[in-house]
Amino acid sequence: MITRLKISRSSAGLLSHRYGGLQQQLTPNIILRNALMFSLNNGDVCDESTVDLAGTEFQISTLLGTNAEIYFMLINEYYKKNLKDDEMKKRIAFHIECGLKNEDFKDVFI
């Protein structure tokens, strides 16, 4: 059972620098949830060799809220298999980073 998740250092940097202004209106967890779903919607596929988990740590209950299990089910369905906890953490971190890096993601909040 996943209780904590670290995002990548790159994601933590993007969150504070590129999306810092949004944090006046939205909490980081809301921005990160949207980045996760934006990446899934774009069809990004995780290459586990490139996943960095050395950034900011979040409680899953904070990051994904009371619907965490729904996010886990969506990701399992997306990858067409039941991911182990370590795999799930890497894929969530990957998709958050992909979403934050995508220039079109800014438009979600306009």
Protein backbone atom coordinates (compact mmCIF):
# COMPACT_ATOMS: atom_id res chain seq x y z
CA MET A 1 0.00 0.00 0.00
CA ILE A 2 1.43 3.34 -1.06
CA THR A 3 1.36 6.02 1.63
CA ARG A 4 4.06 8.41 0.37
CA LEU A 5 5.42 9.39 -3.01
CA LYS A 6 8.39 11.48 -4.07
CA ILE A 7 8.17 13.46 -7.28
CA SER A 8 11.29 14.10 -9.35
CA ARG A 9 13.68 16.96 -8.64
CA SER A 10 12.79 18.35 -12.05
CA SER A 11 9.08 18.32 -11.16
CA ALA A 12 9.74 20.05 -7.85
CA GLY A 13 11.73 22.74 -9.67
CA LEU A 14 9.09 23.21 -12.36
CA LEU A 15 6.37 23.41 -9.73
CA SER A 16 8.09 26.23 -7.90
CA HIS A 17 9.48 28.15 -10.88
CA ARG A 18 7.09 27.70 -13.80
CA TYR A 19 3.90 27.24 -11.78
CA GLY A 20 4.78 29.26 -8.68
CA GLY A 21 2.25 31.95 -9.60
CA LEU A 22 -0.52 29.38 -9.71
CA GLN A 23 0.23 28.40 -6.14
CA GLN A 24 -1.45 31.65 -5.12
CA GLN A 25 -4.73 30.14 -6.36
CA LEU A 26 -4.16 26.37 -6.32
CA THR A 27 -2.34 24.07 -3.93
CA PRO A 28 0.59 22.07 -5.33
CA ASN A 29 -1.32 18.79 -5.06
CA ILE A 30 -4.07 20.10 -7.38
CA ILE A 31 -1.48 21.23 -9.94
CA LEU A 32 0.27 17.85 -9.73
CA ARG A 33 -2.98 15.87 -10.08
CA ASN A 34 -3.77 17.84 -13.21
CA ALA A 35 -0.26 17.25 -14.57
CA LEU A 36 -0.66 13.51 -13.98
CA MET A 37 -3.96 13.38 -15.85
CA PHE A 38 -2.69 15.69 -18.62
CA SER A 39 0.20 13.30 -19.30
CA LEU A 40 -2.07 10.25 -19.33
CA ASN A 41 -4.40 12.05 -21.73
CA ASN A 42 -1.43 12.83 -24.01
CA GLY A 43 -0.51 9.16 -24.23
CA ASP A 44 2.92 9.49 -22.58
CA VAL A 45 4.45 6.10 -21.79
CA CYS A 46 6.88 5.57 -18.92
CA ASP A 47 10.45 4.49 -19.56
CA GLU A 48 11.36 3.43 -16.03
CA SER A 49 15.08 3.92 -16.60
CA THR A 50 14.60 7.70 -16.64
CA VAL A 51 12.46 8.09 -13.49
CA ASP A 52 13.94 10.24 -10.73
CA LEU A 53 12.35 9.98 -7.28
CA ALA A 54 14.63 12.41 -5.44
CA GLY A 55 12.33 15.44 -5.21
CA THR A 56 9.66 16.59 -2.81
CA GLU A 57 7.80 13.92 -0.86
CA PHE A 58 4.01 13.97 -0.56
CA GLN A 59 1.57 11.91 1.45
CA ILE A 60 -0.61 10.03 -1.04
CA SER A 61 -3.68 11.23 0.84
CA THR A 62 -2.56 14.82 0.16
CA LEU A 63 -1.33 14.30 -3.38
CA LEU A 64 -4.28 12.28 -4.70
CA GLY A 65 -6.90 12.88 -2.03
CA THR A 66 -9.65 10.46 -1.09
CA ASN A 67 -9.78 9.15 -4.66
CA ALA A 68 -6.23 7.73 -4.65
CA GLU A 69 -7.50 4.23 -5.41
CA ILE A 70 -9.27 5.54 -8.51
CA TYR A 71 -6.01 7.07 -9.76
CA PHE A 72 -4.25 3.73 -9.13
CA MET A 73 -6.97 1.87 -11.07
CA LEU A 74 -6.71 4.34 -13.97
CA ILE A 75 -2.95 3.88 -14.17
CA ASN A 76 -3.24 0.08 -13.98
CA GLU A 77 -5.78 0.20 -16.79
CA TYR A 78 -3.59 2.59 -18.80
CA TYR A 79 -0.65 0.16 -18.61
CA LYS A 80 -2.91 -2.91 -18.89
CA LYS A 81 -1.45 -4.61 -15.82
CA ASN A 82 -1.53 -4.48 -12.05
CA LEU A 83 1.55 -2.52 -11.09
CA LYS A 84 3.50 -3.20 -7.92
CA ASP A 85 3.82 -0.28 -5.50
CA ASP A 86 7.34 0.64 -6.66
CA GLU A 87 6.26 0.57 -10.31
CA MET A 88 3.18 2.66 -9.51
CA LYS A 89 5.27 5.31 -7.73
CA LYS A 90 7.66 5.56 -10.67
CA ARG A 91 4.85 5.86 -13.18
CA ILE A 92 3.01 8.52 -11.19
CA ALA A 93 6.23 10.54 -10.80
CA PHE A 94 6.95 10.10 -14.52
CA HIS A 95 3.51 11.30 -15.61
CA ILE A 96 3.58 14.26 -13.23
CA GLU A 97 6.91 15.34 -14.70
CA CYS A 98 5.71 14.87 -18.30
CA GLY A 99 2.63 16.93 -17.59
CA LEU A 100 4.56 19.74 -15.93
CA LYS A 101 7.15 19.85 -18.73
CA ASN A 102 4.54 20.09 -21.48
CA GLU A 103 4.17 23.72 -22.60
CA ASP A 104 0.48 23.17 -23.32
CA PHE A 105 -0.17 22.25 -19.68
CA LYS A 106 -0.15 25.94 -18.71
CA ASP A 107 -3.29 26.42 -20.83
CA VAL A 108 -5.24 24.06 -18.55
CA PHE A 109 -5.44 26.82 -15.96
CA ILE A 110 -6.41 29.70 -18.26
